[in-house]
Amino acid sequence: MKTVFSVDGQQFNIAVISLERSATLRGGDNEGTAISGRKIRDLTGTYYDYKMTLGTRDMGGQDYDSLYEILTAPVDSHNVVMPYGQTTLTFEAYIEEVNDSLKRMGDAKNLWGDLEVTFTATRPQRIPD
């Protein structure tokens, strides 16, 4: 099975239900509208963010708990590797929120699913020339 992503050097071979990539071209403090009405851009760069929902049904309880602990660690950022074009992109990202839901509760273990996480880039991956 192909590794879809990694976080802080740990690779995860789990089903990805959905993976969304967004590109934001952010402007700096000197951006605005001139007296002529022309829009003036002050681009700081392009940030790539990723939102994913993971299929965790086939994961063992300990593996799931380990992944959840990594994603919810109270750290400033993570080093992540995500698919990008026909290759991968390595960048620093922070996580603000992780969501999941309890699917089934049993005597021996709980089954969690619909794990959703968004990785937000801490700096632009591309900057203007």
N, C-alpha and C. Protein backbone atom coordinates (compact mmCIF):
# COMPACT_ATOMS: atom_id res chain seq x y z
N MET A 1 0.85 -1.18 0.00
CA MET A 1 0.00 0.00 0.00
C MET A 1 0.89 1.24 0.00
N LYS A 2 0.54 2.22 -0.78
CA LYS A 2 1.31 3.45 -0.89
C LYS A 2 1.04 4.36 0.31
N THR A 3 2.10 4.95 0.85
CA THR A 3 1.96 5.89 1.96
C THR A 3 1.33 7.17 1.43
N VAL A 4 0.23 7.58 2.04
CA VAL A 4 -0.48 8.77 1.57
C VAL A 4 0.09 10.03 2.21
N PHE A 5 0.44 9.96 3.48
CA PHE A 5 0.96 11.13 4.16
C PHE A 5 1.84 10.72 5.33
N SER A 6 2.62 11.67 5.84
CA SER A 6 3.38 11.43 7.05
C SER A 6 3.34 12.69 7.91
N VAL A 7 3.47 12.49 9.20
CA VAL A 7 3.48 13.57 10.18
C VAL A 7 4.67 13.34 11.09
N ASP A 8 5.55 14.33 11.16
CA ASP A 8 6.73 14.26 12.03
C ASP A 8 7.53 12.98 11.80
N GLY A 9 7.65 12.59 10.53
CA GLY A 9 8.44 11.43 10.17
C GLY A 9 7.74 10.10 10.29
N GLN A 10 6.52 10.08 10.82
CA GLN A 10 5.77 8.83 10.94
C GLN A 10 4.82 8.69 9.75
N GLN A 11 4.96 7.56 9.06
CA GLN A 11 4.12 7.30 7.89
C GLN A 11 2.86 6.56 8.30
N PHE A 12 1.78 6.86 7.58
CA PHE A 12 0.50 6.22 7.88
C PHE A 12 -0.07 5.62 6.61
N ASN A 13 -0.29 4.32 6.64
CA ASN A 13 -0.89 3.60 5.51
C ASN A 13 -2.32 3.27 5.87
N ILE A 14 -3.16 4.29 5.88
CA ILE A 14 -4.57 4.09 6.20
C ILE A 14 -5.40 4.69 5.08
N ALA A 15 -6.63 4.25 5.02
CA ALA A 15 -7.52 4.72 3.96
C ALA A 15 -7.83 6.20 4.13
N VAL A 16 -7.69 6.93 3.05
CA VAL A 16 -8.06 8.34 3.05
C VAL A 16 -9.40 8.45 2.33
N ILE A 17 -10.43 8.84 3.07
CA ILE A 17 -11.77 8.96 2.51
C ILE A 17 -11.85 10.17 1.59
N SER A 18 -11.28 11.28 2.06
CA SER A 18 -11.22 12.48 1.21
C SER A 18 -9.97 13.26 1.56
N LEU A 19 -9.42 13.89 0.54
CA LEU A 19 -8.24 14.73 0.71
C LEU A 19 -8.46 15.97 -0.15
N GLU A 20 -8.54 17.10 0.50
CA GLU A 20 -8.76 18.36 -0.20
C GLU A 20 -7.53 19.23 -0.03
N ARG A 21 -7.10 19.83 -1.12
CA ARG A 21 -5.97 20.74 -1.10
C ARG A 21 -6.48 22.13 -1.46
N SER A 22 -6.07 23.13 -0.70
CA SER A 22 -6.45 24.49 -1.05
C SER A 22 -5.20 25.35 -1.15
N ALA A 23 -5.23 26.29 -2.06
CA ALA A 23 -4.13 27.23 -2.25
C ALA A 23 -4.65 28.63 -1.96
N THR A 24 -3.95 29.32 -1.06
CA THR A 24 -4.32 30.69 -0.71
C THR A 24 -3.17 31.61 -1.06
N LEU A 25 -3.44 32.61 -1.88
CA LEU A 25 -2.45 33.62 -2.21
C LEU A 25 -2.66 34.79 -1.26
N ARG A 26 -1.84 34.86 -0.24
CA ARG A 26 -2.01 35.86 0.81
C ARG A 26 -1.25 37.13 0.51
N GLY A 27 -1.88 38.23 0.90
CA GLY A 27 -1.27 39.54 0.71
C GLY A 27 -0.68 40.09 1.98
N GLY A 28 0.19 41.06 1.81
CA GLY A 28 0.85 41.70 2.95
C GLY A 28 0.17 43.01 3.32
N ASP A 29 0.84 43.79 4.14
CA ASP A 29 0.29 45.05 4.67
C ASP A 29 0.14 46.14 3.63
N ASN A 30 0.86 46.06 2.53
CA ASN A 30 0.83 47.12 1.52
C ASN A 30 -0.20 46.88 0.43
N GLU A 31 -1.12 45.97 0.67
CA GLU A 31 -2.15 45.65 -0.31
C GLU A 31 -3.32 46.61 -0.14
N GLY A 32 -3.97 46.93 -1.22
CA GLY A 32 -5.13 47.81 -1.12
C GLY A 32 -5.58 48.30 -2.48
N THR A 33 -6.37 49.37 -2.46
CA THR A 33 -6.89 49.95 -3.69
C THR A 33 -6.32 51.36 -3.83
N ALA A 34 -5.75 51.63 -5.01
CA ALA A 34 -5.17 52.95 -5.29
C ALA A 34 -6.29 53.96 -5.55
N ILE A 35 -5.95 55.22 -5.55
CA ILE A 35 -6.93 56.29 -5.83
C ILE A 35 -7.59 56.07 -7.19
N SER A 36 -6.84 55.53 -8.14
CA SER A 36 -7.38 55.26 -9.47
C SER A 36 -8.41 54.14 -9.47
N GLY A 37 -8.50 53.41 -8.37
CA GLY A 37 -9.41 52.27 -8.29
C GLY A 37 -8.73 50.94 -8.59
N ARG A 38 -7.48 51.02 -9.01
CA ARG A 38 -6.73 49.80 -9.35
C ARG A 38 -6.36 49.06 -8.07
N LYS A 39 -6.56 47.76 -8.07
CA LYS A 39 -6.20 46.90 -6.95
C LYS A 39 -4.70 46.68 -6.96
N ILE A 40 -4.07 46.92 -5.83
CA ILE A 40 -2.63 46.72 -5.69
C ILE A 40 -2.39 45.48 -4.82
N ARG A 41 -1.65 44.56 -5.36
CA ARG A 41 -1.34 43.32 -4.62
C ARG A 41 0.02 43.44 -3.97
N ASP A 42 0.15 42.88 -2.81
CA ASP A 42 1.42 42.78 -2.08
C ASP A 42 1.53 41.34 -1.61
N LEU A 43 1.75 40.45 -2.58
CA LEU A 43 1.72 39.02 -2.28
C LEU A 43 2.91 38.59 -1.43
N THR A 44 2.59 37.90 -0.33
CA THR A 44 3.64 37.28 0.48
C THR A 44 3.95 35.89 -0.06
N GLY A 45 2.97 35.25 -0.71
CA GLY A 45 3.21 33.94 -1.29
C GLY A 45 1.97 33.08 -1.33
N THR A 46 2.17 31.85 -1.78
CA THR A 46 1.10 30.87 -1.89
C THR A 46 1.25 29.83 -0.79
N TYR A 47 0.18 29.66 -0.04
CA TYR A 47 0.12 28.69 1.05
C TYR A 47 -0.75 27.52 0.60
N TYR A 48 -0.27 26.30 0.78
CA TYR A 48 -1.06 25.10 0.48
C TYR A 48 -1.50 24.45 1.79
N ASP A 49 -2.79 24.29 1.95
CA ASP A 49 -3.35 23.66 3.13
C ASP A 49 -4.08 22.39 2.71
N TYR A 50 -4.15 21.42 3.60
CA TYR A 50 -4.77 20.13 3.31
C TYR A 50 -5.79 19.77 4.38
N LYS A 51 -6.95 19.32 3.92
CA LYS A 51 -7.99 18.82 4.81
C LYS A 51 -8.26 17.37 4.44
N MET A 52 -8.20 16.49 5.42
CA MET A 52 -8.42 15.07 5.11
C MET A 52 -9.36 14.40 6.10
N THR A 53 -10.09 13.45 5.57
CA THR A 53 -10.92 12.57 6.39
C THR A 53 -10.35 11.17 6.21
N LEU A 54 -10.08 10.52 7.33
CA LEU A 54 -9.42 9.22 7.30
C LEU A 54 -10.38 8.09 7.62
N GLY A 55 -10.26 7.01 6.88
CA GLY A 55 -11.04 5.80 7.13
C GLY A 55 -10.29 4.93 8.11
N THR A 56 -10.75 4.89 9.32
CA THR A 56 -10.00 4.23 10.39
C THR A 56 -10.58 2.88 10.79
N ARG A 57 -11.55 2.40 10.05
CA ARG A 57 -12.23 1.15 10.40
C ARG A 57 -11.28 -0.03 10.51
N ASP A 58 -10.27 -0.07 9.65
CA ASP A 58 -9.34 -1.20 9.63
C ASP A 58 -8.15 -1.02 10.56
N MET A 59 -8.10 0.10 11.28
CA MET A 59 -7.00 0.33 12.22
C MET A 59 -7.28 -0.35 13.54
N GLY A 60 -6.24 -0.82 14.19
CA GLY A 60 -6.38 -1.34 15.54
C GLY A 60 -6.56 -0.18 16.51
N GLY A 61 -7.11 -0.47 17.67
CA GLY A 61 -7.37 0.56 18.65
C GLY A 61 -6.12 1.31 19.08
N GLN A 62 -5.02 0.59 19.29
CA GLN A 62 -3.77 1.24 19.71
C GLN A 62 -3.21 2.12 18.61
N ASP A 63 -3.29 1.66 17.35
CA ASP A 63 -2.80 2.47 16.22
C ASP A 63 -3.63 3.74 16.09
N TYR A 64 -4.94 3.61 16.25
CA TYR A 64 -5.80 4.78 16.16
C TYR A 64 -5.47 5.77 17.28
N ASP A 65 -5.34 5.27 18.50
CA ASP A 65 -5.02 6.14 19.63
C ASP A 65 -3.69 6.84 19.43
N SER A 66 -2.71 6.14 18.88
CA SER A 66 -1.40 6.72 18.62
C SER A 66 -1.49 7.85 17.60
N LEU A 67 -2.22 7.60 16.52
CA LEU A 67 -2.42 8.64 15.51
C LEU A 67 -3.13 9.84 16.11
N TYR A 68 -4.17 9.62 16.87
CA TYR A 68 -4.93 10.70 17.48
C TYR A 68 -4.04 11.54 18.41
N GLU A 69 -3.17 10.86 19.18
CA GLU A 69 -2.27 11.57 20.08
C GLU A 69 -1.28 12.44 19.31
N ILE A 70 -0.79 11.96 18.20
CA ILE A 70 0.13 12.75 17.36
C ILE A 70 -0.59 13.98 16.82
N LEU A 71 -1.78 13.78 16.28
CA LEU A 71 -2.52 14.89 15.66
C LEU A 71 -2.98 15.93 16.67
N THR A 72 -3.20 15.52 17.92
CA THR A 72 -3.71 16.45 18.93
C THR A 72 -2.63 16.90 19.91
N ALA A 73 -1.38 16.61 19.60
CA ALA A 73 -0.29 17.03 20.48
C ALA A 73 -0.25 18.56 20.58
N PRO A 74 -0.07 19.10 21.78
CA PRO A 74 -0.03 20.56 21.93
C PRO A 74 1.34 21.12 21.54
N VAL A 75 1.60 21.11 20.23
CA VAL A 75 2.85 21.64 19.69
C VAL A 75 2.51 22.75 18.70
N ASP A 76 3.47 23.63 18.46
CA ASP A 76 3.25 24.74 17.54
C ASP A 76 2.98 24.28 16.11
N SER A 77 3.73 23.26 15.66
CA SER A 77 3.57 22.81 14.28
C SER A 77 4.11 21.40 14.12
N HIS A 78 3.84 20.84 12.96
CA HIS A 78 4.31 19.50 12.58
C HIS A 78 5.00 19.60 11.23
N ASN A 79 5.92 18.68 10.99
CA ASN A 79 6.51 18.54 9.66
C ASN A 79 5.68 17.48 8.93
N VAL A 80 5.05 17.85 7.83
CA VAL A 80 4.16 16.93 7.13
C VAL A 80 4.61 16.73 5.69
N VAL A 81 4.25 15.58 5.15
CA VAL A 81 4.47 15.26 3.73
C VAL A 81 3.12 14.87 3.17
N MET A 82 2.71 15.59 2.12
CA MET A 82 1.40 15.36 1.50
C MET A 82 1.57 15.19 0.00
N PRO A 83 0.59 14.55 -0.66
CA PRO A 83 0.62 14.47 -2.11
C PRO A 83 0.56 15.87 -2.72
N TYR A 84 1.32 16.08 -3.78
CA TYR A 84 1.29 17.36 -4.49
C TYR A 84 1.60 17.09 -5.94
N GLY A 85 0.65 17.37 -6.81
CA GLY A 85 0.85 17.05 -8.22
C GLY A 85 1.11 15.56 -8.38
N GLN A 86 2.21 15.23 -9.05
CA GLN A 86 2.57 13.83 -9.25
C GLN A 86 3.63 13.38 -8.26
N THR A 87 3.92 14.21 -7.26
CA THR A 87 4.94 13.89 -6.28
C THR A 87 4.43 14.24 -4.88
N THR A 88 5.27 14.71 -4.01
CA THR A 88 4.84 15.09 -2.66
C THR A 88 5.38 16.47 -2.31
N LEU A 89 4.81 17.05 -1.28
CA LEU A 89 5.23 18.35 -0.77
C LEU A 89 5.51 18.19 0.72
N THR A 90 6.68 18.62 1.15
CA THR A 90 7.06 18.60 2.56
C THR A 90 6.99 20.02 3.08
N PHE A 91 6.27 20.23 4.18
CA PHE A 91 6.15 21.57 4.73
C PHE A 91 5.78 21.53 6.20
N GLU A 92 5.92 22.68 6.83
CA GLU A 92 5.56 22.83 8.23
C GLU A 92 4.11 23.31 8.29
N ALA A 93 3.32 22.65 9.14
CA ALA A 93 1.90 22.99 9.24
C ALA A 93 1.45 22.91 10.69
N TYR A 94 0.42 23.68 10.99
CA TYR A 94 -0.16 23.57 12.32
C TYR A 94 -1.56 22.99 12.21
N ILE A 95 -2.02 22.45 13.33
CA ILE A 95 -3.35 21.85 13.42
C ILE A 95 -4.09 22.59 14.51
N GLU A 96 -5.28 23.08 14.19
CA GLU A 96 -6.09 23.76 15.19
C GLU A 96 -7.22 22.89 15.73
N GLU A 97 -7.67 21.95 14.90
CA GLU A 97 -8.82 21.16 15.31
C GLU A 97 -8.76 19.78 14.67
N VAL A 98 -9.11 18.78 15.45
CA VAL A 98 -9.22 17.40 14.98
C VAL A 98 -10.59 16.91 15.42
N ASN A 99 -11.34 16.31 14.51
CA ASN A 99 -12.69 15.83 14.83
C ASN A 99 -12.80 14.34 14.52
N ASP A 100 -13.53 13.63 15.37
CA ASP A 100 -13.87 12.24 15.09
C ASP A 100 -15.17 11.93 15.79
N SER A 101 -15.65 10.71 15.61
CA SER A 101 -16.92 10.34 16.25
C SER A 101 -16.84 8.89 16.72
N LEU A 102 -17.50 8.63 17.82
CA LEU A 102 -17.56 7.28 18.38
C LEU A 102 -18.61 6.49 17.61
N LYS A 103 -18.17 5.44 16.94
CA LYS A 103 -19.05 4.62 16.12
C LYS A 103 -19.69 3.47 16.90
N ARG A 104 -18.88 2.86 17.77
CA ARG A 104 -19.38 1.73 18.53
C ARG A 104 -18.58 1.62 19.82
N MET A 105 -19.29 1.30 20.89
CA MET A 105 -18.65 1.14 22.18
C MET A 105 -18.79 -0.31 22.61
N GLY A 106 -17.66 -0.92 22.94
CA GLY A 106 -17.70 -2.32 23.35
C GLY A 106 -17.01 -2.54 24.68
N ASP A 107 -17.09 -3.76 25.15
CA ASP A 107 -16.44 -4.09 26.42
C ASP A 107 -14.92 -4.01 26.31
N ALA A 108 -14.39 -4.46 25.19
CA ALA A 108 -12.94 -4.54 25.03
C ALA A 108 -12.34 -3.29 24.38
N LYS A 109 -13.10 -2.62 23.51
CA LYS A 109 -12.56 -1.45 22.84
C LYS A 109 -13.67 -0.57 22.28
N ASN A 110 -13.30 0.65 22.01
CA ASN A 110 -14.20 1.60 21.35
C ASN A 110 -13.77 1.75 19.91
N LEU A 111 -14.71 1.89 19.01
CA LEU A 111 -14.44 2.08 17.60
C LEU A 111 -14.73 3.53 17.25
N TRP A 112 -13.67 4.25 16.90
CA TRP A 112 -13.78 5.66 16.51
C TRP A 112 -13.64 5.76 15.00
N GLY A 113 -14.26 6.77 14.41
CA GLY A 113 -14.16 6.94 12.97
C GLY A 113 -14.41 8.37 12.55
N ASP A 114 -14.46 8.55 11.23
CA ASP A 114 -14.66 9.87 10.62
C ASP A 114 -13.64 10.87 11.15
N LEU A 115 -12.40 10.45 11.26
CA LEU A 115 -11.34 11.33 11.76
C LEU A 115 -11.02 12.38 10.70
N GLU A 116 -11.18 13.62 11.08
CA GLU A 116 -10.97 14.74 10.15
C GLU A 116 -9.94 15.70 10.74
N VAL A 117 -8.99 16.11 9.92
CA VAL A 117 -7.93 17.02 10.36
C VAL A 117 -7.57 17.97 9.22
N THR A 118 -7.22 19.19 9.57
CA THR A 118 -6.77 20.18 8.60
C THR A 118 -5.35 20.59 8.95
N PHE A 119 -4.46 20.52 7.98
CA PHE A 119 -3.08 20.96 8.11
C PHE A 119 -2.96 22.33 7.44
N THR A 120 -2.62 23.35 8.22
CA THR A 120 -2.52 24.72 7.72
C THR A 120 -1.04 25.12 7.67
N ALA A 121 -0.58 25.52 6.50
CA ALA A 121 0.83 25.88 6.32
C ALA A 121 1.22 27.06 7.20
N THR A 122 2.40 26.98 7.80
CA THR A 122 2.88 28.06 8.66
C THR A 122 3.56 29.17 7.87
N ARG A 123 3.97 28.87 6.65
CA ARG A 123 4.63 29.86 5.79
C ARG A 123 4.32 29.51 4.34
N PRO A 124 4.52 30.45 3.44
CA PRO A 124 4.22 30.15 2.03
C PRO A 124 5.18 29.10 1.46
N GLN A 125 4.63 28.21 0.66
CA GLN A 125 5.46 27.23 -0.03
C GLN A 125 6.04 27.81 -1.31
N ARG A 126 5.40 28.83 -1.82
CA ARG A 126 5.90 29.54 -3.01
C ARG A 126 5.86 31.04 -2.73
N ILE A 127 6.94 31.73 -3.09
CA ILE A 127 6.99 33.17 -2.89
C ILE A 127 7.18 33.86 -4.25
N PRO A 128 6.76 35.12 -4.35
CA PRO A 128 6.90 35.84 -5.62
C PRO A 128 8.37 35.99 -6.01
N ASP A 129 8.62 36.05 -7.31
CA ASP A 129 9.99 36.26 -7.83
C ASP A 129 10.46 37.66 -7.53
